[in-house]
Amino acid sequence: VKVVCSDCTDIKFLRPEDDLFLAGEIAHYAYYISEGCFEYVQSPMFAMVDEEITKNVAHGVWVCEAALWCEWRHAGDMRATTSCK
């Protein structure tokens, strides 16, 4: 288990305005937001939405879990609004 955890995890540090991922990119990872806040934006070009939708994402949540079990493309942009980890 120790090898799996060390080989399959990483820590990213982001500054405000840094992108975690962009719509249309292949999702290679699931992320756990341990600190900070993000803004997630979906547009009709990449997601099944009629108009642009913006959601605030705070620490303590998982995002992109689908990347763990299937080929997935991001349906929106995830951008840091604060310093994040």
PDB file of N, CA and C in Angstrom:
ATOM      1  N   VAL A   1       0.833  -1.184   0.000  1.00  0.00           N
ATOM      2  CA  VAL A   1       0.000   0.000   0.000  1.00  0.00           C
ATOM      3  C   VAL A   1       0.880   1.250   0.000  1.00  0.00           C
ATOM      4  N   LYS A   2       1.990   1.212   0.742  1.00  0.00           N
ATOM      5  CA  LYS A   2       2.882   2.367   0.814  1.00  0.00           C
ATOM      6  C   LYS A   2       3.424   2.736  -0.556  1.00  0.00           C
ATOM      7  N   VAL A   3       3.791   1.729  -1.375  1.00  0.00           N
ATOM      8  CA  VAL A   3       4.311   1.989  -2.724  1.00  0.00           C
ATOM      9  C   VAL A   3       3.230   2.589  -3.609  1.00  0.00           C
ATOM     10  N   VAL A   4       2.023   2.054  -3.545  1.00  0.00           N
ATOM     11  CA  VAL A   4       0.920   2.586  -4.347  1.00  0.00           C
ATOM     12  C   VAL A   4       0.659   4.039  -3.981  1.00  0.00           C
ATOM     13  N   CYS A   5       0.605   4.331  -2.698  1.00  0.00           N
ATOM     14  CA  CYS A   5       0.343   5.702  -2.262  1.00  0.00           C
ATOM     15  C   CYS A   5       1.442   6.657  -2.703  1.00  0.00           C
ATOM     16  N   SER A   6       2.693   6.238  -2.617  1.00  0.00           N
ATOM     17  CA  SER A   6       3.776   7.146  -2.998  1.00  0.00           C
ATOM     18  C   SER A   6       3.896   7.284  -4.513  1.00  0.00           C
ATOM     19  N   ASP A   7       3.573   6.250  -5.264  1.00  0.00           N
ATOM     20  CA  ASP A   7       3.662   6.313  -6.728  1.00  0.00           C
ATOM     21  C   ASP A   7       2.447   6.965  -7.372  1.00  0.00           C
ATOM     22  N   CYS A   8       1.338   6.975  -6.696  1.00  0.00           N
ATOM     23  CA  CYS A   8       0.083   7.432  -7.306  1.00  0.00           C
ATOM     24  C   CYS A   8      -0.419   8.755  -6.742  1.00  0.00           C
ATOM     25  N   THR A   9       0.342   9.378  -5.886  1.00  0.00           N
ATOM     26  CA  THR A   9      -0.097  10.649  -5.341  1.00  0.00           C
ATOM     27  C   THR A   9       0.983  11.708  -5.535  1.00  0.00           C
ATOM     28  N   ASP A  10       0.566  12.930  -5.489  1.00  0.00           N
ATOM     29  CA  ASP A  10       1.472  14.056  -5.640  1.00  0.00           C
ATOM     30  C   ASP A  10       0.801  15.259  -5.000  1.00  0.00           C
ATOM     31  N   ILE A  11       1.587  16.237  -4.649  1.00  0.00           N
ATOM     32  CA  ILE A  11       1.044  17.471  -4.098  1.00  0.00           C
ATOM     33  C   ILE A  11       1.323  18.591  -5.092  1.00  0.00           C
ATOM     34  N   LYS A  12       0.294  19.355  -5.410  1.00  0.00           N
ATOM     35  CA  LYS A  12       0.438  20.519  -6.286  1.00  0.00           C
ATOM     36  C   LYS A  12       0.152  21.767  -5.468  1.00  0.00           C
ATOM     37  N   PHE A  13       0.933  22.783  -5.715  1.00  0.00           N
ATOM     38  CA  PHE A  13       0.705  24.084  -5.101  1.00  0.00           C
ATOM     39  C   PHE A  13       0.353  25.055  -6.220  1.00  0.00           C
ATOM     40  N   LEU A  14      -0.754  25.769  -6.060  1.00  0.00           N
ATOM     41  CA  LEU A  14      -1.181  26.720  -7.078  1.00  0.00           C
ATOM     42  C   LEU A  14      -1.365  28.095  -6.461  1.00  0.00           C
ATOM     43  N   ARG A  15      -1.077  29.112  -7.254  1.00  0.00           N
ATOM     44  CA  ARG A  15      -1.300  30.499  -6.854  1.00  0.00           C
ATOM     45  C   ARG A  15      -2.624  30.967  -7.443  1.00  0.00           C
ATOM     46  N   PRO A  16      -3.165  32.066  -6.929  1.00  0.00           N
ATOM     47  CA  PRO A  16      -4.390  32.591  -7.536  1.00  0.00           C
ATOM     48  C   PRO A  16      -4.199  32.805  -9.040  1.00  0.00           C
ATOM     49  N   GLU A  17      -5.199  32.423  -9.816  1.00  0.00           N
ATOM     50  CA  GLU A  17      -5.242  32.517 -11.281  1.00  0.00           C
ATOM     51  C   GLU A  17      -4.531  31.369 -11.994  1.00  0.00           C
ATOM     52  N   ASP A  18      -3.884  30.439 -11.262  1.00  0.00           N
ATOM     53  CA  ASP A  18      -3.290  29.256 -11.899  1.00  0.00           C
ATOM     54  C   ASP A  18      -4.407  28.285 -12.284  1.00  0.00           C
ATOM     55  N   ASP A  19      -4.252  27.630 -13.435  1.00  0.00           N
ATOM     56  CA  ASP A  19      -5.211  26.618 -13.878  1.00  0.00           C
ATOM     57  C   ASP A  19      -4.800  25.248 -13.367  1.00  0.00           C
ATOM     58  N   LEU A  20      -5.747  24.522 -12.787  1.00  0.00           N
ATOM     59  CA  LEU A  20      -5.516  23.129 -12.412  1.00  0.00           C
ATOM     60  C   LEU A  20      -5.708  22.259 -13.648  1.00  0.00           C
ATOM     61  N   PHE A  21      -6.754  22.546 -14.434  1.00  0.00           N
ATOM     62  CA  PHE A  21      -6.985  21.878 -15.715  1.00  0.00           C
ATOM     63  C   PHE A  21      -7.894  22.741 -16.571  1.00  0.00           C
ATOM     64  N   LEU A  22      -7.932  22.424 -17.867  1.00  0.00           N
ATOM     65  CA  LEU A  22      -8.741  23.176 -18.828  1.00  0.00           C
ATOM     66  C   LEU A  22      -9.721  22.259 -19.545  1.00  0.00           C
ATOM     67  N   ALA A  23     -10.853  22.802 -19.936  1.00  0.00           N
ATOM     68  CA  ALA A  23     -11.879  22.050 -20.659  1.00  0.00           C
ATOM     69  C   ALA A  23     -11.292  21.449 -21.925  1.00  0.00           C
ATOM     70  N   GLY A  24     -11.667  20.202 -22.188  1.00  0.00           N
ATOM     71  CA  GLY A  24     -11.223  19.515 -23.393  1.00  0.00           C
ATOM     72  C   GLY A  24      -9.971  18.687 -23.211  1.00  0.00           C
ATOM     73  N   GLU A  25      -9.192  18.954 -22.155  1.00  0.00           N
ATOM     74  CA  GLU A  25      -7.985  18.170 -21.902  1.00  0.00           C
ATOM     75  C   GLU A  25      -8.357  16.789 -21.380  1.00  0.00           C
ATOM     76  N   ILE A  26      -7.540  15.793 -21.682  1.00  0.00           N
ATOM     77  CA  ILE A  26      -7.735  14.465 -21.118  1.00  0.00           C
ATOM     78  C   ILE A  26      -7.423  14.524 -19.628  1.00  0.00           C
ATOM     79  N   ALA A  27      -8.303  13.953 -18.833  1.00  0.00           N
ATOM     80  CA  ALA A  27      -8.120  13.926 -17.380  1.00  0.00           C
ATOM     81  C   ALA A  27      -7.257  12.724 -17.022  1.00  0.00           C
ATOM     82  N   HIS A  28      -6.096  12.990 -16.473  1.00  0.00           N
ATOM     83  CA  HIS A  28      -5.188  11.915 -16.072  1.00  0.00           C
ATOM     84  C   HIS A  28      -5.251  11.640 -14.579  1.00  0.00           C
ATOM     85  N   TYR A  29      -5.813  12.574 -13.804  1.00  0.00           N
ATOM     86  CA  TYR A  29      -5.782  12.476 -12.353  1.00  0.00           C
ATOM     87  C   TYR A  29      -7.112  12.872 -11.728  1.00  0.00           C
ATOM     88  N   ALA A  30      -7.369  12.328 -10.547  1.00  0.00           N
ATOM     89  CA  ALA A  30      -8.399  12.855  -9.659  1.00  0.00           C
ATOM     90  C   ALA A  30      -7.659  13.756  -8.684  1.00  0.00           C
ATOM     91  N   TYR A  31      -8.344  14.754  -8.160  1.00  0.00           N
ATOM     92  CA  TYR A  31      -7.712  15.711  -7.251  1.00  0.00           C
ATOM     93  C   TYR A  31      -8.515  15.828  -5.967  1.00  0.00           C
ATOM     94  N   TYR A  32      -7.795  15.954  -4.863  1.00  0.00           N
ATOM     95  CA  TYR A  32      -8.408  16.284  -3.583  1.00  0.00           C
ATOM     96  C   TYR A  32      -7.952  17.692  -3.234  1.00  0.00           C
ATOM     97  N   ILE A  33      -8.889  18.581  -3.019  1.00  0.00           N
ATOM     98  CA  ILE A  33      -8.576  19.974  -2.700  1.00  0.00           C
ATOM     99  C   ILE A  33      -8.405  20.056  -1.182  1.00  0.00           C
ATOM    100  N   SER A  34      -7.161  20.147  -0.716  1.00  0.00           N
ATOM    101  CA  SER A  34      -6.923  20.154   0.726  1.00  0.00           C
ATOM    102  C   SER A  34      -6.860  21.562   1.312  1.00  0.00           C
ATOM    103  N   GLU A  35      -6.503  22.543   0.487  1.00  0.00           N
ATOM    104  CA  GLU A  35      -6.456  23.929   0.958  1.00  0.00           C
ATOM    105  C   GLU A  35      -6.823  24.857  -0.192  1.00  0.00           C
ATOM    106  N   GLY A  36      -7.498  25.951   0.119  1.00  0.00           N
ATOM    107  CA  GLY A  36      -7.792  26.967  -0.878  1.00  0.00           C
ATOM    108  C   GLY A  36      -9.134  26.805  -1.560  1.00  0.00           C
ATOM    109  N   CYS A  37      -9.360  27.680  -2.553  1.00  0.00           N
ATOM    110  CA  CYS A  37     -10.621  27.701  -3.295  1.00  0.00           C
ATOM    111  C   CYS A  37     -10.350  27.824  -4.788  1.00  0.00           C
ATOM    112  N   PHE A  38     -11.247  27.235  -5.561  1.00  0.00           N
ATOM    113  CA  PHE A  38     -11.172  27.261  -7.015  1.00  0.00           C
ATOM    114  C   PHE A  38     -12.474  27.781  -7.586  1.00  0.00           C
ATOM    115  N   GLU A  39     -12.416  28.161  -8.851  1.00  0.00           N
ATOM    116  CA  GLU A  39     -13.605  28.489  -9.626  1.00  0.00           C
ATOM    117  C   GLU A  39     -13.650  27.496 -10.777  1.00  0.00           C
ATOM    118  N   TYR A  40     -14.790  26.809 -10.920  1.00  0.00           N
ATOM    119  CA  TYR A  40     -14.984  25.837 -11.996  1.00  0.00           C
ATOM    120  C   TYR A  40     -15.991  26.418 -12.977  1.00  0.00           C
ATOM    121  N   VAL A  41     -15.601  26.509 -14.247  1.00  0.00           N
ATOM    122  CA  VAL A  41     -16.454  27.129 -15.269  1.00  0.00           C
ATOM    123  C   VAL A  41     -16.708  26.126 -16.392  1.00  0.00           C
ATOM    124  N   GLN A  42     -17.991  25.860 -16.670  1.00  0.00           N
ATOM    125  CA  GLN A  42     -18.393  25.021 -17.799  1.00  0.00           C
ATOM    126  C   GLN A  42     -19.050  25.905 -18.849  1.00  0.00           C
ATOM    127  N   SER A  43     -18.738  25.614 -20.112  1.00  0.00           N
ATOM    128  CA  SER A  43     -19.360  26.343 -21.218  1.00  0.00           C
ATOM    129  C   SER A  43     -20.035  25.343 -22.144  1.00  0.00           C
ATOM    130  N   PRO A  44     -21.015  25.799 -22.942  1.00  0.00           N
ATOM    131  CA  PRO A  44     -21.710  24.907 -23.868  1.00  0.00           C
ATOM    132  C   PRO A  44     -20.778  24.227 -24.879  1.00  0.00           C
ATOM    133  N   MET A  45     -19.616  24.786 -25.116  1.00  0.00           N
ATOM    134  CA  MET A  45     -18.692  24.195 -26.083  1.00  0.00           C
ATOM    135  C   MET A  45     -18.143  22.842 -25.604  1.00  0.00           C
ATOM    136  N   PHE A  46     -17.984  22.660 -24.288  1.00  0.00           N
ATOM    137  CA  PHE A  46     -17.373  21.448 -23.757  1.00  0.00           C
ATOM    138  C   PHE A  46     -18.268  20.648 -22.830  1.00  0.00           C
ATOM    139  N   ALA A  47     -19.404  21.186 -22.439  1.00  0.00           N
ATOM    140  CA  ALA A  47     -20.287  20.503 -21.484  1.00  0.00           C
ATOM    141  C   ALA A  47     -21.734  20.587 -21.969  1.00  0.00           C
ATOM    142  N   MET A  48     -22.546  19.717 -21.420  1.00  0.00           N
ATOM    143  CA  MET A  48     -23.960  19.702 -21.790  1.00  0.00           C
ATOM    144  C   MET A  48     -24.726  20.718 -20.955  1.00  0.00           C
ATOM    145  N   VAL A  49     -24.400  21.990 -21.178  1.00  0.00           N
ATOM    146  CA  VAL A  49     -25.073  23.101 -20.498  1.00  0.00           C
ATOM    147  C   VAL A  49     -25.527  24.095 -21.558  1.00  0.00           C
ATOM    148  N   ASP A  50     -26.601  24.805 -21.274  1.00  0.00           N
ATOM    149  CA  ASP A  50     -27.137  25.774 -22.234  1.00  0.00           C
ATOM    150  C   ASP A  50     -26.407  27.113 -22.190  1.00  0.00           C
ATOM    151  N   GLU A  51     -25.861  27.432 -21.043  1.00  0.00           N
ATOM    152  CA  GLU A  51     -25.132  28.692 -20.884  1.00  0.00           C
ATOM    153  C   GLU A  51     -23.966  28.448 -19.937  1.00  0.00           C
ATOM    154  N   GLU A  52     -23.033  29.379 -19.900  1.00  0.00           N
ATOM    155  CA  GLU A  52     -21.867  29.232 -19.033  1.00  0.00           C
ATOM    156  C   GLU A  52     -22.300  29.138 -17.574  1.00  0.00           C
ATOM    157  N   ILE A  53     -21.724  28.186 -16.869  1.00  0.00           N
ATOM    158  CA  ILE A  53     -22.027  27.960 -15.458  1.00  0.00           C
ATOM    159  C   ILE A  53     -20.725  28.067 -14.669  1.00  0.00           C
ATOM    160  N   THR A  54     -20.756  28.827 -13.597  1.00  0.00           N
ATOM    161  CA  THR A  54     -19.590  28.999 -12.733  1.00  0.00           C
ATOM    162  C   THR A  54     -19.937  28.521 -11.329  1.00  0.00           C
ATOM    163  N   LYS A  55     -19.054  27.695 -10.753  1.00  0.00           N
ATOM    164  CA  LYS A  55     -19.245  27.196  -9.387  1.00  0.00           C
ATOM    165  C   LYS A  55     -17.969  27.421  -8.598  1.00  0.00           C
ATOM    166  N   ASN A  56     -18.128  27.791  -7.344  1.00  0.00           N
ATOM    167  CA  ASN A  56     -16.987  27.891  -6.440  1.00  0.00           C
ATOM    168  C   ASN A  56     -16.752  26.524  -5.811  1.00  0.00           C
ATOM    169  N   VAL A  57     -15.485  26.126  -5.747  1.00  0.00           N
ATOM    170  CA  VAL A  57     -15.114  24.829  -5.191  1.00  0.00           C
ATOM    171  C   VAL A  57     -14.144  25.088  -4.040  1.00  0.00           C
ATOM    172  N   ALA A  58     -14.547  24.716  -2.834  1.00  0.00           N
ATOM    173  CA  ALA A  58     -13.727  24.957  -1.655  1.00  0.00           C
ATOM    174  C   ALA A  58     -12.961  23.691  -1.265  1.00  0.00           C
ATOM    175  N   HIS A  59     -12.076  23.848  -0.313  1.00  0.00           N
ATOM    176  CA  HIS A  59     -11.264  22.726   0.151  1.00  0.00           C
ATOM    177  C   HIS A  59     -12.145  21.645   0.785  1.00  0.00           C
ATOM    178  N   GLY A  60     -11.591  20.435   0.805  1.00  0.00           N
ATOM    179  CA  GLY A  60     -12.298  19.309   1.405  1.00  0.00           C
ATOM    180  C   GLY A  60     -13.118  18.488   0.436  1.00  0.00           C
ATOM    181  N   VAL A  61     -12.940  18.692  -0.866  1.00  0.00           N
ATOM    182  CA  VAL A  61     -13.709  17.921  -1.858  1.00  0.00           C
ATOM    183  C   VAL A  61     -12.782  17.260  -2.872  1.00  0.00           C
ATOM    184  N   TRP A  62     -13.286  16.208  -3.484  1.00  0.00           N
ATOM    185  CA  TRP A  62     -12.621  15.532  -4.603  1.00  0.00           C
ATOM    186  C   TRP A  62     -13.206  16.062  -5.905  1.00  0.00           C
ATOM    187  N   VAL A  63     -12.367  16.181  -6.940  1.00  0.00           N
ATOM    188  CA  VAL A  63     -12.836  16.519  -8.288  1.00  0.00           C
ATOM    189  C   VAL A  63     -12.168  15.576  -9.282  1.00  0.00           C
ATOM    190  N   CYS A  64     -12.826  15.346 -10.391  1.00  0.00           N
ATOM    191  CA  CYS A  64     -12.314  14.524 -11.507  1.00  0.00           C
ATOM    192  C   CYS A  64     -12.147  13.050 -11.148  1.00  0.00           C
ATOM    193  N   GLU A  65     -12.986  12.534 -10.279  1.00  0.00           N
ATOM    194  CA  GLU A  65     -12.870  11.129  -9.895  1.00  0.00           C
ATOM    195  C   GLU A  65     -13.034  10.187 -11.068  1.00  0.00           C
ATOM    196  N   ALA A  66     -13.758  10.600 -12.099  1.00  0.00           N
ATOM    197  CA  ALA A  66     -13.974   9.746 -13.268  1.00  0.00           C
ATOM    198  C   ALA A  66     -12.651   9.334 -13.914  1.00  0.00           C
ATOM    199  N   ALA A  67     -11.625  10.136 -13.771  1.00  0.00           N
ATOM    200  CA  ALA A  67     -10.309   9.815 -14.345  1.00  0.00           C
ATOM    201  C   ALA A  67      -9.726   8.537 -13.745  1.00  0.00           C
ATOM    202  N   LEU A  68     -10.213   8.117 -12.591  1.00  0.00           N
ATOM    203  CA  LEU A  68      -9.693   6.909 -11.950  1.00  0.00           C
ATOM    204  C   LEU A  68     -10.169   5.635 -12.633  1.00  0.00           C
ATOM    205  N   TRP A  69     -11.334   5.665 -13.297  1.00  0.00           N
ATOM    206  CA  TRP A  69     -11.872   4.423 -13.840  1.00  0.00           C
ATOM    207  C   TRP A  69     -12.260   4.467 -15.319  1.00  0.00           C
ATOM    208  N   CYS A  70     -12.102   5.602 -15.978  1.00  0.00           N
ATOM    209  CA  CYS A  70     -12.423   5.637 -17.408  1.00  0.00           C
ATOM    210  C   CYS A  70     -11.625   6.747 -18.096  1.00  0.00           C
ATOM    211  N   GLU A  71     -11.636   6.709 -19.434  1.00  0.00           N
ATOM    212  CA  GLU A  71     -11.031   7.814 -20.176  1.00  0.00           C
ATOM    213  C   GLU A  71     -11.994   8.985 -20.098  1.00  0.00           C
ATOM    214  N   TRP A  72     -11.495  10.131 -19.666  1.00  0.00           N
ATOM    215  CA  TRP A  72     -12.356  11.266 -19.393  1.00  0.00           C
ATOM    216  C   TRP A  72     -11.712  12.539 -19.905  1.00  0.00           C
ATOM    217  N   ARG A  73     -12.522  13.430 -20.434  1.00  0.00           N
ATOM    218  CA  ARG A  73     -12.052  14.768 -20.810  1.00  0.00           C
ATOM    219  C   ARG A  73     -12.722  15.768 -19.893  1.00  0.00           C
ATOM    220  N   HIS A  74     -11.957  16.741 -19.475  1.00  0.00           N
ATOM    221  CA  HIS A  74     -12.502  17.758 -18.591  1.00  0.00           C
ATOM    222  C   HIS A  74     -13.604  18.526 -19.313  1.00  0.00           C
ATOM    223  N   ALA A  75     -14.701  18.764 -18.613  1.00  0.00           N
ATOM    224  CA  ALA A  75     -15.856  19.466 -19.179  1.00  0.00           C
ATOM    225  C   ALA A  75     -15.876  20.935 -18.779  1.00  0.00           C
ATOM    226  N   GLY A  76     -14.819  21.397 -18.121  1.00  0.00           N
ATOM    227  CA  GLY A  76     -14.750  22.788 -17.703  1.00  0.00           C
ATOM    228  C   GLY A  76     -13.338  23.167 -17.308  1.00  0.00           C
ATOM    229  N   ASP A  77     -13.163  24.442 -16.982  1.00  0.00           N
ATOM    230  CA  ASP A  77     -11.875  24.959 -16.518  1.00  0.00           C
ATOM    231  C   ASP A  77     -11.898  25.064 -15.007  1.00  0.00           C
ATOM    232  N   MET A  78     -10.810  24.660 -14.356  1.00  0.00           N
ATOM    233  CA  MET A  78     -10.684  24.787 -12.902  1.00  0.00           C
ATOM    234  C   MET A  78      -9.505  25.703 -12.608  1.00  0.00           C
ATOM    235  N   ARG A  79      -9.809  26.876 -12.040  1.00  0.00           N
ATOM    236  CA  ARG A  79      -8.797  27.905 -11.797  1.00  0.00           C
ATOM    237  C   ARG A  79      -8.772  28.279 -10.313  1.00  0.00           C
ATOM    238  N   ALA A  80      -7.571  28.366  -9.757  1.00  0.00           N
ATOM    239  CA  ALA A  80      -7.413  28.761  -8.355  1.00  0.00           C
ATOM    240  C   ALA A  80      -7.821  30.214  -8.168  1.00  0.00           C
ATOM    241  N   THR A  81      -8.568  30.472  -7.099  1.00  0.00           N
ATOM    242  CA  THR A  81      -8.918  31.842  -6.746  1.00  0.00           C
ATOM    243  C   THR A  81      -8.136  32.312  -5.523  1.00  0.00           C
ATOM    244  N   THR A  82      -7.524  31.358  -4.820  1.00  0.00           N
ATOM    245  CA  THR A  82      -6.652  31.637  -3.677  1.00  0.00           C
ATOM    246  C   THR A  82      -5.437  30.733  -3.813  1.00  0.00           C
ATOM    247  N   SER A  83      -4.485  30.843  -2.917  1.00  0.00           N
ATOM    248  CA  SER A  83      -3.386  29.874  -2.871  1.00  0.00           C
ATOM    249  C   SER A  83      -3.987  28.526  -2.515  1.00  0.00           C
ATOM    250  N   CYS A  84      -3.596  27.490  -3.253  1.00  0.00           N
ATOM    251  CA  CYS A  84      -4.219  26.181  -3.100  1.00  0.00           C
ATOM    252  C   CYS A  84      -3.186  25.069  -2.998  1.00  0.00           C
ATOM    253  N   LYS A  85      -3.668  23.981  -2.396  1.00  0.00           N
ATOM    254  CA  LYS A  85      -2.851  22.772  -2.280  1.00  0.00           C
ATOM    255  C   LYS A  85      -3.770  21.590  -2.468  1.00  0.00           C
TER     256      LYS A  85
END
